[in-house]
N, C-alpha and C. Protein backbone atom coordinates (compact mmCIF):
# COMPACT_ATOMS: atom_id res chain seq x y z
N UNK A 1 0.85 -1.18 0.00
CA UNK A 1 0.00 0.00 0.00
C UNK A 1 0.89 1.24 0.00
N UNK A 2 0.74 2.11 -1.01
CA UNK A 2 1.62 3.26 -1.16
C UNK A 2 0.99 4.50 -0.50
N UNK A 3 1.83 5.23 0.23
CA UNK A 3 1.38 6.45 0.90
C UNK A 3 1.26 7.57 -0.12
N UNK A 4 0.11 8.26 -0.12
CA UNK A 4 -0.09 9.37 -1.05
C UNK A 4 0.67 10.62 -0.62
N UNK A 5 1.13 10.64 0.61
CA UNK A 5 1.83 11.81 1.10
C UNK A 5 3.31 11.80 0.73
N UNK A 6 3.99 10.64 0.95
CA UNK A 6 5.43 10.57 0.68
C UNK A 6 5.80 9.54 -0.37
N UNK A 7 4.84 8.71 -0.77
CA UNK A 7 5.12 7.73 -1.79
C UNK A 7 5.75 6.45 -1.29
N UNK A 8 5.86 6.29 0.00
CA UNK A 8 6.50 5.08 0.57
C UNK A 8 5.59 3.88 0.37
N UNK A 9 6.20 2.75 -0.07
CA UNK A 9 5.45 1.51 -0.25
C UNK A 9 5.39 0.78 1.10
N UNK A 10 4.19 0.67 1.69
CA UNK A 10 4.01 0.08 3.01
C UNK A 10 3.43 -1.33 2.88
N UNK A 11 3.63 -2.18 3.89
CA UNK A 11 2.95 -3.48 3.91
C UNK A 11 1.43 -3.30 3.95
N UNK A 12 0.70 -4.29 3.46
CA UNK A 12 -0.76 -4.17 3.36
C UNK A 12 -1.46 -4.15 4.73
N UNK A 13 -0.81 -4.64 5.78
CA UNK A 13 -1.47 -4.73 7.09
C UNK A 13 -1.33 -3.46 7.92
N UNK A 14 -0.66 -2.43 7.38
CA UNK A 14 -0.49 -1.18 8.13
C UNK A 14 -1.61 -0.22 7.81
N UNK A 15 -1.94 0.59 8.82
CA UNK A 15 -2.96 1.63 8.62
C UNK A 15 -2.35 3.01 8.55
N UNK A 16 -1.08 3.14 8.94
CA UNK A 16 -0.37 4.42 8.88
C UNK A 16 0.95 4.19 8.14
N UNK A 17 1.38 5.21 7.44
CA UNK A 17 2.65 5.12 6.69
C UNK A 17 3.80 4.98 7.66
N UNK A 18 4.62 3.98 7.46
CA UNK A 18 5.73 3.76 8.37
C UNK A 18 6.86 4.76 8.16
N UNK A 19 6.79 5.55 7.12
CA UNK A 19 7.84 6.55 6.86
C UNK A 19 7.43 7.93 7.39
N UNK A 20 6.17 8.37 7.04
CA UNK A 20 5.75 9.72 7.45
C UNK A 20 4.58 9.70 8.45
N UNK A 21 4.10 8.50 8.81
CA UNK A 21 3.05 8.34 9.82
C UNK A 21 1.71 8.94 9.38
N UNK A 22 1.50 9.07 8.07
CA UNK A 22 0.23 9.57 7.55
C UNK A 22 -0.76 8.42 7.47
N UNK A 23 -2.04 8.63 7.87
CA UNK A 23 -3.03 7.54 7.78
C UNK A 23 -3.14 7.03 6.35
N UNK A 24 -3.25 5.71 6.23
CA UNK A 24 -3.31 5.07 4.93
C UNK A 24 -4.73 4.70 4.51
N UNK A 25 -5.72 5.02 5.31
CA UNK A 25 -7.09 4.63 4.99
C UNK A 25 -7.54 5.32 3.71
N UNK A 26 -7.95 4.53 2.73
CA UNK A 26 -8.40 5.06 1.44
C UNK A 26 -7.29 5.68 0.60
N UNK A 27 -6.00 5.42 0.98
CA UNK A 27 -4.88 6.02 0.25
C UNK A 27 -4.18 5.04 -0.66
N UNK A 28 -4.56 3.77 -0.64
CA UNK A 28 -3.88 2.77 -1.45
C UNK A 28 -4.41 2.80 -2.87
N UNK A 29 -3.56 2.42 -3.84
CA UNK A 29 -3.96 2.27 -5.23
C UNK A 29 -3.10 1.18 -5.84
N UNK A 30 -3.63 0.48 -6.81
CA UNK A 30 -2.99 -0.70 -7.38
C UNK A 30 -2.39 -0.46 -8.75
N UNK A 31 -2.46 0.77 -9.25
CA UNK A 31 -1.93 1.02 -10.60
C UNK A 31 -0.42 0.84 -10.61
N UNK A 32 0.09 0.41 -11.71
CA UNK A 32 1.53 0.23 -11.85
C UNK A 32 2.22 1.57 -11.75
N UNK A 33 3.45 1.62 -11.20
CA UNK A 33 4.13 2.90 -11.03
C UNK A 33 4.29 3.65 -12.34
N UNK A 34 4.49 2.93 -13.44
CA UNK A 34 4.71 3.62 -14.70
C UNK A 34 3.43 4.19 -15.27
N UNK A 35 2.25 3.58 -14.91
CA UNK A 35 0.98 4.05 -15.45
C UNK A 35 0.28 5.03 -14.53
N UNK A 36 0.79 5.21 -13.27
CA UNK A 36 0.12 6.09 -12.31
C UNK A 36 0.35 7.53 -12.69
N UNK A 37 -0.58 8.41 -12.41
CA UNK A 37 -0.40 9.83 -12.68
C UNK A 37 0.69 10.41 -11.79
N UNK A 38 1.30 11.47 -12.25
CA UNK A 38 2.39 12.11 -11.51
C UNK A 38 1.87 12.62 -10.17
N UNK A 39 2.55 12.20 -9.09
CA UNK A 39 2.15 12.62 -7.74
C UNK A 39 2.98 13.81 -7.31
N UNK A 40 2.30 14.81 -6.75
CA UNK A 40 2.97 15.98 -6.20
C UNK A 40 2.90 15.87 -4.68
N UNK A 41 3.99 15.48 -4.06
CA UNK A 41 4.02 15.30 -2.62
C UNK A 41 4.14 16.65 -1.93
N UNK A 42 3.57 16.68 -0.74
CA UNK A 42 3.43 17.96 -0.05
C UNK A 42 4.69 18.43 0.64
N UNK A 43 5.49 17.49 1.13
CA UNK A 43 6.64 17.91 1.91
C UNK A 43 7.68 16.80 1.93
N UNK A 44 8.85 17.17 2.40
CA UNK A 44 9.93 16.22 2.62
C UNK A 44 9.92 15.79 4.07
N UNK A 45 9.92 14.49 4.31
CA UNK A 45 9.81 13.96 5.66
C UNK A 45 11.14 14.02 6.36
N UNK A 46 11.13 14.39 7.61
CA UNK A 46 12.34 14.35 8.43
C UNK A 46 12.67 12.89 8.73
N UNK A 47 13.76 12.41 8.22
CA UNK A 47 14.09 11.00 8.35
C UNK A 47 14.40 10.61 9.78
N UNK A 48 14.68 11.58 10.63
CA UNK A 48 14.98 11.24 12.02
C UNK A 48 13.73 10.84 12.78
N UNK A 49 12.55 11.15 12.22
CA UNK A 49 11.30 10.84 12.92
C UNK A 49 10.43 9.89 12.12
N UNK A 50 11.01 8.93 11.45
CA UNK A 50 10.24 8.00 10.64
C UNK A 50 9.44 7.05 11.52
N UNK A 51 10.04 6.52 12.54
CA UNK A 51 9.38 5.58 13.45
C UNK A 51 9.33 6.14 14.86
N UNK A 52 8.47 7.11 15.10
CA UNK A 52 8.46 7.70 16.45
C UNK A 52 7.93 6.74 17.50
N UNK A 53 7.09 5.77 17.08
CA UNK A 53 6.52 4.88 18.09
C UNK A 53 7.40 3.68 18.37
N UNK A 54 8.45 3.51 17.56
CA UNK A 54 9.31 2.34 17.73
C UNK A 54 10.59 2.76 18.43
N UNK A 55 10.94 2.14 19.54
CA UNK A 55 12.18 2.51 20.24
C UNK A 55 13.40 2.14 19.40
N UNK A 56 14.35 3.06 19.39
CA UNK A 56 15.58 2.84 18.63
C UNK A 56 16.43 1.84 19.36
N UNK A 57 16.87 0.85 18.66
CA UNK A 57 17.72 -0.17 19.27
C UNK A 57 18.45 -0.92 18.19
N UNK A 58 19.06 -2.03 18.59
CA UNK A 58 19.83 -2.82 17.64
C UNK A 58 18.92 -3.38 16.57
N UNK A 59 19.30 -3.21 15.33
CA UNK A 59 18.53 -3.73 14.22
C UNK A 59 17.47 -2.78 13.72
N UNK A 60 17.21 -1.63 14.34
CA UNK A 60 16.18 -0.69 13.90
C UNK A 60 16.73 0.45 13.05
N UNK A 61 18.02 0.67 13.10
CA UNK A 61 18.65 1.72 12.29
C UNK A 61 19.84 1.13 11.55
N UNK A 62 20.21 1.79 10.47
CA UNK A 62 21.38 1.35 9.69
C UNK A 62 22.64 1.57 10.50
N UNK A 63 23.46 0.55 10.70
CA UNK A 63 24.68 0.72 11.49
C UNK A 63 25.70 1.62 10.83
N UNK A 64 25.50 1.93 9.55
CA UNK A 64 26.49 2.77 8.85
C UNK A 64 26.09 4.24 8.82
N UNK A 65 24.81 4.52 8.46
CA UNK A 65 24.39 5.91 8.35
C UNK A 65 23.32 6.31 9.35
N UNK A 66 22.76 5.35 10.14
CA UNK A 66 21.75 5.68 11.13
C UNK A 66 20.35 5.83 10.58
N UNK A 67 20.14 5.49 9.31
CA UNK A 67 18.82 5.63 8.73
C UNK A 67 17.88 4.58 9.33
N UNK A 68 16.63 4.96 9.70
CA UNK A 68 15.70 3.98 10.30
C UNK A 68 15.34 2.88 9.31
N UNK A 69 15.32 1.64 9.78
CA UNK A 69 15.00 0.50 8.95
C UNK A 69 13.90 -0.31 9.62
N UNK A 70 12.87 -0.72 8.82
CA UNK A 70 11.78 -1.48 9.39
C UNK A 70 12.25 -2.90 9.69
N UNK A 71 11.60 -3.58 10.58
CA UNK A 71 12.01 -4.95 10.96
C UNK A 71 12.02 -5.89 9.74
N UNK A 72 13.03 -6.68 9.67
CA UNK A 72 13.16 -7.65 8.58
C UNK A 72 13.90 -7.12 7.37
N UNK A 73 14.20 -5.81 7.33
CA UNK A 73 14.94 -5.23 6.20
C UNK A 73 16.42 -5.30 6.51
N UNK A 74 17.19 -5.90 5.60
CA UNK A 74 18.62 -6.08 5.81
C UNK A 74 19.48 -5.11 5.00
N UNK A 75 18.87 -4.44 4.01
CA UNK A 75 19.63 -3.50 3.18
C UNK A 75 19.11 -2.10 3.45
N UNK A 76 20.00 -1.19 3.79
CA UNK A 76 19.60 0.19 4.09
C UNK A 76 19.12 0.86 2.81
N UNK A 77 17.87 1.46 2.82
CA UNK A 77 17.41 2.14 1.60
C UNK A 77 18.10 3.46 1.34
N UNK A 78 18.88 3.96 2.31
CA UNK A 78 19.55 5.25 2.14
C UNK A 78 20.96 5.09 1.59
N UNK A 79 21.77 4.27 2.24
CA UNK A 79 23.18 4.11 1.81
C UNK A 79 23.45 2.74 1.22
N UNK A 80 22.41 1.88 1.18
CA UNK A 80 22.53 0.54 0.60
C UNK A 80 23.52 -0.33 1.35
N UNK A 81 23.67 -0.03 2.64
CA UNK A 81 24.54 -0.88 3.45
C UNK A 81 23.94 -2.28 3.53
N UNK A 82 24.75 -3.31 3.40
CA UNK A 82 24.28 -4.68 3.47
C UNK A 82 24.20 -5.35 2.12
N UNK A 83 24.32 -4.55 1.02
CA UNK A 83 24.30 -5.17 -0.30
C UNK A 83 25.58 -5.92 -0.54
N UNK A 84 25.51 -6.98 -1.31
CA UNK A 84 26.69 -7.75 -1.66
C UNK A 84 27.46 -7.02 -2.74
N UNK A 85 28.68 -6.69 -2.44
CA UNK A 85 29.50 -5.96 -3.41
C UNK A 85 30.05 -6.92 -4.45
N UNK A 86 29.91 -6.52 -5.68
CA UNK A 86 30.44 -7.31 -6.78
C UNK A 86 31.79 -6.73 -7.17
N UNK A 87 32.79 -7.55 -7.08
CA UNK A 87 34.13 -7.09 -7.41
C UNK A 87 34.25 -6.81 -8.90
N UNK A 88 34.78 -5.65 -9.17
CA UNK A 88 35.02 -5.27 -10.57
C UNK A 88 36.32 -5.88 -11.03
N UNK A 89 36.29 -6.64 -12.12
CA UNK A 89 37.54 -7.25 -12.58
C UNK A 89 38.57 -6.18 -12.95
N UNK A 90 39.77 -6.41 -12.48
CA UNK A 90 40.85 -5.47 -12.74
C UNK A 90 41.57 -5.89 -14.01
N UNK A 91 41.60 -4.98 -14.96
CA UNK A 91 42.30 -5.26 -16.23
C UNK A 91 43.80 -5.18 -16.00
N UNK A 92 44.52 -6.21 -16.39
CA UNK A 92 45.98 -6.15 -16.19
C UNK A 92 46.60 -5.03 -17.00
N UNK A 93 47.61 -4.44 -16.41
CA UNK A 93 48.28 -3.33 -17.09
C UNK A 93 48.98 -3.84 -18.33
N UNK A 94 48.90 -3.05 -19.38
CA UNK A 94 49.55 -3.44 -20.64
C UNK A 94 51.05 -3.40 -20.49
N UNK A 95 51.70 -4.37 -21.09
CA UNK A 95 53.15 -4.42 -21.03
C UNK A 95 53.75 -3.23 -21.77
N UNK A 96 54.80 -2.64 -21.24
CA UNK A 96 55.41 -1.49 -21.94
C UNK A 96 55.97 -1.91 -23.30
N UNK A 97 55.76 -1.06 -24.28
CA UNK A 97 56.22 -1.33 -25.64
C UNK A 97 57.57 -0.66 -25.83
N UNK A 98 58.54 -1.44 -26.27
CA UNK A 98 59.86 -0.91 -26.48
C UNK A 98 59.88 0.05 -27.66
N UNK A 99 60.82 1.01 -27.67
CA UNK A 99 60.91 1.94 -28.82
C UNK A 99 61.13 1.22 -30.14
N UNK A 100 61.87 0.11 -30.11
CA UNK A 100 62.11 -0.63 -31.36
C UNK A 100 60.82 -1.21 -31.89
N UNK A 101 59.97 -1.76 -30.97
CA UNK A 101 58.69 -2.33 -31.42
C UNK A 101 57.78 -1.25 -31.97
N UNK A 102 57.78 -0.06 -31.34
CA UNK A 102 56.97 1.04 -31.86
C UNK A 102 57.42 1.42 -33.26
N UNK A 103 58.74 1.44 -33.47
CA UNK A 103 59.25 1.83 -34.78
C UNK A 103 58.85 0.81 -35.84
N UNK A 104 58.89 -0.49 -35.49
CA UNK A 104 58.51 -1.51 -36.45
C UNK A 104 57.03 -1.42 -36.77
N UNK A 105 56.21 -1.15 -35.74
CA UNK A 105 54.78 -1.07 -35.96
C UNK A 105 54.42 0.13 -36.82
N UNK A 106 55.14 1.24 -36.65
CA UNK A 106 54.82 2.45 -37.39
C UNK A 106 55.33 2.42 -38.82
N UNK A 107 56.20 1.45 -39.16
CA UNK A 107 56.74 1.40 -40.50
C UNK A 107 55.66 1.06 -41.50
N UNK A 108 55.60 1.76 -42.62
CA UNK A 108 54.56 1.45 -43.61
C UNK A 108 54.78 0.09 -44.24
N UNK A 109 53.69 -0.60 -44.52
CA UNK A 109 53.76 -1.92 -45.14
C UNK A 109 54.02 -1.75 -46.63
N UNK A 110 55.08 -2.41 -47.11
CA UNK A 110 55.47 -2.27 -48.50
C UNK A 110 54.87 -3.35 -49.40
N UNK A 111 54.24 -4.35 -48.82
CA UNK A 111 53.67 -5.41 -49.65
C UNK A 111 54.57 -6.63 -49.70
N UNK A 112 54.00 -7.75 -50.07
CA UNK A 112 54.75 -8.99 -50.16
C UNK A 112 55.25 -9.19 -51.58
N UNK A 113 56.52 -9.55 -51.70
CA UNK A 113 57.13 -9.77 -53.00
C UNK A 113 56.91 -11.21 -53.42
N UNK A 114 56.45 -11.40 -54.64
CA UNK A 114 56.26 -12.74 -55.17
C UNK A 114 57.64 -13.35 -55.46
N UNK A 115 58.02 -14.42 -54.76
CA UNK A 115 59.38 -14.96 -54.96
C UNK A 115 59.57 -15.60 -56.32
N UNK A 116 58.46 -15.91 -57.04
CA UNK A 116 58.58 -16.57 -58.34
C UNK A 116 58.65 -15.56 -59.48
N UNK A 117 58.39 -14.30 -59.19
CA UNK A 117 58.47 -13.26 -60.22
C UNK A 117 59.53 -12.26 -59.78
N UNK A 118 60.72 -12.43 -60.25
CA UNK A 118 61.81 -11.55 -59.91
C UNK A 118 61.89 -10.39 -60.90
N UNK A 119 61.92 -9.17 -60.36
CA UNK A 119 62.01 -7.98 -61.20
C UNK A 119 63.48 -7.73 -61.52
N UNK A 120 63.79 -7.72 -62.80
CA UNK A 120 65.18 -7.50 -63.23
C UNK A 120 65.59 -6.07 -62.94
N UNK A 121 66.83 -5.85 -62.48
CA UNK A 121 67.28 -4.48 -62.22
C UNK A 121 67.35 -3.68 -63.51
N UNK A 122 67.13 -2.39 -63.41
CA UNK A 122 67.15 -1.52 -64.58
C UNK A 122 68.57 -1.43 -65.13
N UNK A 123 68.68 -1.41 -66.48
CA UNK A 123 69.99 -1.28 -67.13
C UNK A 123 70.49 0.15 -66.99
N UNK A 124 71.77 0.29 -66.74
CA UNK A 124 72.37 1.60 -66.53
C UNK A 124 73.62 1.74 -67.38
N UNK A 125 73.91 2.98 -67.72
CA UNK A 125 75.16 3.27 -68.43
C UNK A 125 75.53 4.73 -68.19
N UNK A 126 76.76 5.08 -68.51
CA UNK A 126 77.26 6.45 -68.31
C UNK A 126 77.99 6.88 -69.57
N UNK A 127 77.72 8.10 -70.02
CA UNK A 127 78.47 8.71 -71.12
C UNK A 127 79.38 9.78 -70.52
N UNK A 128 80.68 9.48 -70.48
CA UNK A 128 81.68 10.36 -69.85
C UNK A 128 82.37 11.19 -70.93
N UNK A 129 82.22 12.52 -70.93
CA UNK A 129 82.86 13.37 -71.94
C UNK A 129 84.39 13.30 -71.84
N UNK A 130 85.05 13.31 -72.99
CA UNK A 130 86.51 13.34 -73.04
C UNK A 130 86.97 14.79 -72.91
N UNK A 131 87.89 15.03 -71.99
CA UNK A 131 88.36 16.40 -71.75
C UNK A 131 89.11 16.93 -72.97
N UNK A 132 88.85 18.20 -73.30
CA UNK A 132 89.53 18.89 -74.40
C UNK A 132 90.20 20.15 -73.85
N UNK A 133 91.42 20.39 -74.28
CA UNK A 133 92.17 21.51 -73.75
C UNK A 133 91.51 22.84 -74.11
N UNK A 134 91.32 23.68 -73.12
CA UNK A 134 90.73 24.99 -73.33
C UNK A 134 89.22 25.00 -73.43
N UNK A 135 88.58 23.83 -73.35
CA UNK A 135 87.12 23.77 -73.45
C UNK A 135 86.57 23.08 -72.20
N UNK A 136 85.61 23.72 -71.59
CA UNK A 136 85.01 23.15 -70.38
C UNK A 136 84.15 21.95 -70.75
N UNK A 137 84.36 20.86 -70.04
CA UNK A 137 83.63 19.62 -70.33
C UNK A 137 82.29 19.62 -69.60
N UNK A 138 81.26 19.09 -70.26
CA UNK A 138 79.96 18.97 -69.57
C UNK A 138 80.00 17.85 -68.54
N UNK A 139 78.98 17.78 -67.74
CA UNK A 139 78.90 16.73 -66.73
C UNK A 139 78.60 15.39 -67.39
N UNK A 140 79.03 14.31 -66.74
CA UNK A 140 78.74 12.97 -67.25
C UNK A 140 77.24 12.73 -67.25
N UNK A 141 76.80 11.98 -68.29
CA UNK A 141 75.38 11.68 -68.44
C UNK A 141 75.12 10.27 -67.92
N UNK A 142 74.35 10.16 -66.83
CA UNK A 142 74.00 8.88 -66.26
C UNK A 142 72.61 8.49 -66.75
N UNK A 143 72.53 7.31 -67.37
CA UNK A 143 71.27 6.86 -67.96
C UNK A 143 70.82 5.57 -67.28
N UNK A 144 69.49 5.47 -67.11
CA UNK A 144 68.90 4.30 -66.48
C UNK A 144 67.67 3.91 -67.27
N UNK A 145 67.65 2.67 -67.76
CA UNK A 145 66.54 2.22 -68.58
C UNK A 145 67.04 1.55 -69.84
N UNK A 146 66.12 1.20 -70.74
CA UNK A 146 66.48 0.43 -71.93
C UNK A 146 66.61 1.25 -73.20
N UNK A 147 66.05 2.47 -73.25
CA UNK A 147 66.08 3.26 -74.48
C UNK A 147 66.19 4.74 -74.14
N UNK A 148 67.08 5.43 -74.88
CA UNK A 148 67.30 6.85 -74.63
C UNK A 148 67.59 7.56 -75.95
N UNK A 149 67.05 8.78 -76.08
CA UNK A 149 67.36 9.63 -77.22
C UNK A 149 68.42 10.65 -76.79
N UNK A 150 69.48 10.74 -77.59
CA UNK A 150 70.59 11.63 -77.27
C UNK A 150 70.52 12.86 -78.17
N UNK A 151 70.71 14.04 -77.59
CA UNK A 151 70.72 15.28 -78.36
C UNK A 151 71.61 16.30 -77.66
N UNK A 152 71.61 17.51 -78.21
CA UNK A 152 72.48 18.55 -77.67
C UNK A 152 72.15 18.86 -76.21
N UNK A 153 70.85 18.86 -75.87
CA UNK A 153 70.44 19.28 -74.53
C UNK A 153 70.99 18.36 -73.44
N UNK A 154 70.99 17.05 -73.68
CA UNK A 154 71.45 16.16 -72.61
C UNK A 154 72.91 15.72 -72.77
N UNK A 155 73.51 15.97 -73.93
CA UNK A 155 74.91 15.60 -74.11
C UNK A 155 75.85 16.76 -73.79
N UNK A 156 75.68 17.88 -74.49
CA UNK A 156 76.56 19.05 -74.32
C UNK A 156 75.81 20.28 -74.80
N UNK A 157 75.12 21.02 -73.93
CA UNK A 157 74.24 22.12 -74.35
C UNK A 157 74.94 23.21 -75.15
N UNK A 158 76.25 23.37 -75.03
CA UNK A 158 76.96 24.45 -75.73
C UNK A 158 77.60 23.99 -77.04
N UNK A 159 77.47 22.73 -77.40
CA UNK A 159 78.13 22.20 -78.58
C UNK A 159 77.17 22.25 -79.78
N UNK A 160 77.48 23.14 -80.76
CA UNK A 160 76.61 23.32 -81.92
C UNK A 160 76.78 22.22 -82.96
N UNK A 161 77.80 21.36 -82.82
CA UNK A 161 77.97 20.27 -83.78
C UNK A 161 77.04 19.09 -83.47
N UNK A 162 76.37 19.12 -82.35
CA UNK A 162 75.39 18.08 -81.99
C UNK A 162 74.00 18.65 -82.25
N UNK A 163 73.19 17.89 -82.94
CA UNK A 163 71.86 18.39 -83.29
C UNK A 163 70.98 18.56 -82.05
N UNK A 164 70.11 19.56 -82.13
CA UNK A 164 69.18 19.79 -81.02
C UNK A 164 67.98 18.85 -81.09
N UNK A 165 67.84 18.14 -82.19
CA UNK A 165 66.74 17.18 -82.33
C UNK A 165 67.17 15.84 -81.76
N UNK A 166 67.40 14.83 -82.59
CA UNK A 166 67.87 13.53 -82.11
C UNK A 166 69.17 13.21 -82.83
N UNK A 167 70.26 13.18 -82.07
CA UNK A 167 71.56 12.83 -82.65
C UNK A 167 71.69 11.33 -82.82
N UNK A 168 71.29 10.57 -81.79
CA UNK A 168 71.39 9.11 -81.85
C UNK A 168 70.46 8.50 -80.82
N UNK A 169 70.21 7.21 -81.00
CA UNK A 169 69.40 6.45 -80.06
C UNK A 169 70.27 5.40 -79.40
N UNK A 170 70.18 5.31 -78.08
CA UNK A 170 70.94 4.33 -77.30
C UNK A 170 69.94 3.35 -76.69
N UNK A 171 70.11 2.05 -77.03
CA UNK A 171 69.17 1.04 -76.54
C UNK A 171 69.94 -0.13 -75.93
N UNK A 172 69.25 -0.85 -75.06
CA UNK A 172 69.83 -2.04 -74.43
C UNK A 172 68.90 -3.21 -74.68
N UNK A 173 69.45 -4.29 -75.25
CA UNK A 173 68.68 -5.49 -75.55
C UNK A 173 69.43 -6.70 -75.02
N UNK A 174 68.77 -7.43 -74.10
CA UNK A 174 69.38 -8.62 -73.48
C UNK A 174 70.74 -8.31 -72.87
N UNK A 175 70.84 -7.12 -72.23
CA UNK A 175 72.09 -6.75 -71.57
C UNK A 175 73.13 -6.14 -72.48
N UNK A 176 72.88 -6.07 -73.78
CA UNK A 176 73.83 -5.51 -74.73
C UNK A 176 73.36 -4.13 -75.17
N UNK A 177 74.25 -3.14 -75.08
CA UNK A 177 73.92 -1.78 -75.49
C UNK A 177 74.22 -1.59 -76.98
N UNK A 178 73.33 -0.82 -77.64
CA UNK A 178 73.49 -0.51 -79.07
C UNK A 178 73.28 0.98 -79.27
N UNK A 179 73.99 1.54 -80.27
CA UNK A 179 73.80 2.94 -80.62
C UNK A 179 73.45 3.01 -82.10
N UNK A 180 72.52 3.92 -82.43
CA UNK A 180 72.07 4.08 -83.81
C UNK A 180 72.01 5.56 -84.14
N UNK A 181 72.67 5.94 -85.24
CA UNK A 181 72.70 7.35 -85.63
C UNK A 181 71.33 7.80 -86.14
N UNK A 182 70.89 9.01 -85.70
CA UNK A 182 69.64 9.59 -86.16
C UNK A 182 69.83 11.03 -86.65
N UNK A 183 71.08 11.49 -86.75
CA UNK A 183 71.32 12.88 -87.12
C UNK A 183 71.18 13.08 -88.63
N UNK A 184 70.77 14.29 -89.03
CA UNK A 184 70.62 14.61 -90.45
C UNK A 184 71.96 14.62 -91.17
N UNK A 185 73.05 14.97 -90.49
CA UNK A 185 74.38 15.04 -91.09
C UNK A 185 75.15 13.73 -90.95
N UNK A 186 74.57 12.73 -90.33
CA UNK A 186 75.20 11.42 -90.12
C UNK A 186 76.57 11.58 -89.46
N UNK A 187 76.54 12.17 -88.28
CA UNK A 187 77.80 12.49 -87.59
C UNK A 187 77.93 11.73 -86.27
N UNK A 188 77.43 10.50 -86.24
CA UNK A 188 77.61 9.65 -85.05
C UNK A 188 78.50 8.49 -85.44
N UNK A 189 79.68 8.39 -84.76
CA UNK A 189 80.66 7.36 -85.10
C UNK A 189 81.15 6.67 -83.84
N UNK A 190 81.75 5.50 -84.04
CA UNK A 190 82.35 4.76 -82.94
C UNK A 190 83.83 4.58 -83.25
N UNK A 191 84.68 4.92 -82.29
CA UNK A 191 86.11 4.73 -82.46
C UNK A 191 86.44 3.26 -82.30
N UNK A 192 87.12 2.69 -83.29
CA UNK A 192 87.46 1.26 -83.27
C UNK A 192 88.75 1.08 -82.49
N UNK A 193 88.66 1.21 -81.18
CA UNK A 193 89.86 1.07 -80.35
C UNK A 193 90.28 -0.37 -80.19
N UNK A 194 89.41 -1.30 -80.48
CA UNK A 194 89.75 -2.71 -80.43
C UNK A 194 88.97 -3.42 -81.53
N UNK A 195 89.20 -4.71 -81.69
CA UNK A 195 88.54 -5.46 -82.74
C UNK A 195 87.03 -5.30 -82.61
N UNK A 196 86.39 -4.81 -83.66
CA UNK A 196 84.99 -4.49 -83.66
C UNK A 196 84.28 -5.24 -84.77
N UNK A 197 83.14 -5.84 -84.48
CA UNK A 197 82.41 -6.59 -85.49
C UNK A 197 81.74 -5.63 -86.47
N UNK A 198 81.78 -6.00 -87.77
CA UNK A 198 81.16 -5.19 -88.83
C UNK A 198 80.06 -6.00 -89.49
N UNK A 199 79.02 -5.29 -89.94
CA UNK A 199 77.97 -5.92 -90.74
C UNK A 199 77.86 -5.18 -92.05
N UNK A 200 77.26 -5.84 -93.03
CA UNK A 200 77.16 -5.27 -94.38
C UNK A 200 76.42 -3.93 -94.35
N UNK A 201 77.02 -2.92 -94.97
CA UNK A 201 76.43 -1.59 -95.02
C UNK A 201 76.99 -0.63 -94.00
N UNK A 202 77.85 -1.08 -93.07
CA UNK A 202 78.42 -0.18 -92.09
C UNK A 202 79.29 0.87 -92.78
N UNK A 203 79.22 2.10 -92.25
CA UNK A 203 80.04 3.21 -92.77
C UNK A 203 81.23 3.39 -91.86
N UNK A 204 82.44 3.38 -92.48
CA UNK A 204 83.66 3.52 -91.71
C UNK A 204 84.29 4.86 -92.08
N UNK A 205 84.58 5.71 -91.06
CA UNK A 205 85.25 6.99 -91.28
C UNK A 205 86.72 6.81 -90.95
N UNK A 206 87.59 7.01 -91.97
CA UNK A 206 89.03 6.94 -91.79
C UNK A 206 89.62 8.23 -92.34
N UNK A 207 90.19 9.01 -91.41
CA UNK A 207 90.62 10.36 -91.80
C UNK A 207 89.36 11.19 -92.02
N UNK A 208 89.30 11.79 -93.21
CA UNK A 208 88.07 12.51 -93.55
C UNK A 208 87.33 11.82 -94.68
N UNK A 209 87.63 10.52 -94.90
CA UNK A 209 86.99 9.76 -95.98
C UNK A 209 86.11 8.67 -95.37
N UNK A 210 84.89 8.57 -95.89
CA UNK A 210 83.97 7.56 -95.45
C UNK A 210 83.98 6.39 -96.43
N UNK A 211 83.87 5.17 -95.87
CA UNK A 211 83.85 3.96 -96.67
C UNK A 211 82.65 3.12 -96.21
N UNK A 212 81.94 2.53 -97.19
CA UNK A 212 80.82 1.65 -96.89
C UNK A 212 81.35 0.22 -96.95
N UNK A 213 81.10 -0.54 -95.89
CA UNK A 213 81.59 -1.91 -95.80
C UNK A 213 80.56 -2.87 -96.40
N UNK A 214 81.03 -3.79 -97.25
CA UNK A 214 80.20 -4.86 -97.81
C UNK A 214 80.94 -6.17 -97.66
N UNK A 215 80.26 -7.18 -97.18
CA UNK A 215 80.88 -8.51 -97.04
C UNK A 215 80.65 -9.27 -98.35
N UNK A 216 81.66 -10.00 -98.81
CA UNK A 216 81.55 -10.80 -100.04
C UNK A 216 81.73 -12.27 -99.71
């Protein structure tokens, strides 16, 4: 039976509210708390005078906060003394991470290399200018890849005897480098410093005379 004055839920055999001592005659209602209309209580009860007719003694008040407790109640409604405490599991502290492990974790993933597909290294070569007395030499030309077009801009920007278009093409096939003249004046030659293979139609410059080679 609920008191209309303070809202305390009393046993059905009581005629007065055990919390505020208000008569309970005609004050009970059976509606569910969620469906009951909003109650506007008149006042706040002094908790020190909840049970004026009951002598204070052992078992009548909460041993922790002194709140009055009706007979048979083991849990204090004020401080909840007497409830069984549920231990909160303690999460173990995380192990410290070494600086080396942090560095490895932060490194970007580069991907897995297929061991059955090996990428061949890029072919490289260098064209080193021969020093000439009184003339400043250009920087060496470092090339990487299989095919390159050579001209004045990348060989020697100040040399007017090299065409500004395409002087020659430098290619690499199966690890072997080849050069092919592309200039309009046909001014790309190879110095035969050692035994050099010739094929039919090769042009040989000796002195200032050109000779076309034919095999018979």
